[in-house]
C-alpha atoms as a PDB file:
ATOM      1  CA  MET A   1       0.136   0.050  -0.075  1.00  0.00           C
ATOM      2  CA  ASN A   2       2.688   2.585   1.102  1.00  0.00           C
ATOM      3  CA  LYS A   3       4.510   2.009  -2.468  1.00  0.00           C
ATOM      4  CA  VAL A   4       1.118   2.294  -4.176  1.00  0.00           C
ATOM      5  CA  TYR A   5       0.590   5.501  -2.699  1.00  0.00           C
ATOM      6  CA  ILE A   6       3.862   6.848  -3.297  1.00  0.00           C
ATOM      7  CA  LEU A   7       3.787   5.988  -6.999  1.00  0.00           C
ATOM      8  CA  GLU A   8       0.391   8.052  -7.122  1.00  0.00           C
ATOM      9  CA  THR A   9       1.735  10.837  -5.268  1.00  0.00           C
ATOM     10  CA  GLU A  10       5.071  11.213  -7.346  1.00  0.00           C
ATOM     11  CA  TYR A  11       2.686  10.681 -10.563  1.00  0.00           C
ATOM     12  CA  GLN A  12       0.531  13.846  -9.344  1.00  0.00           C
ATOM     13  CA  SER A  13       3.138  15.761  -8.570  1.00  0.00           C
ATOM     14  CA  PHE A  14       4.749  14.763 -12.101  1.00  0.00           C
ATOM     15  CA  CYS A  15       1.496  15.976 -13.616  1.00  0.00           C
ATOM     16  CA  VAL A  16       1.008  19.314 -11.853  1.00  0.00           C
ATOM     17  CA  ALA A  17       4.659  20.163 -12.846  1.00  0.00           C
ATOM     18  CA  CYS A  18       3.912  19.496 -16.459  1.00  0.00           C
ATOM     19  CA  ILE A  19       0.509  21.444 -16.252  1.00  0.00           C
ATOM     20  CA  LYS A  20       2.463  24.276 -14.933  1.00  0.00           C
ATOM     21  CA  CYS A  21       5.317  24.316 -17.748  1.00  0.00           C
ATOM     22  CA  ILE A  22       3.144  23.801 -20.481  1.00  0.00           C
ATOM     23  CA  GLY A  23      -0.184  25.722 -19.106  1.00  0.00           C
ATOM     24  CA  MET A  24       2.102  28.635 -18.057  1.00  0.00           C
END
């Protein structure tokens, strides 16, 4: 469960970074 949670949070952070770079 912990590994899955970490992967999900890292993926979300990665997506947010991409959106900020591309969108803004």
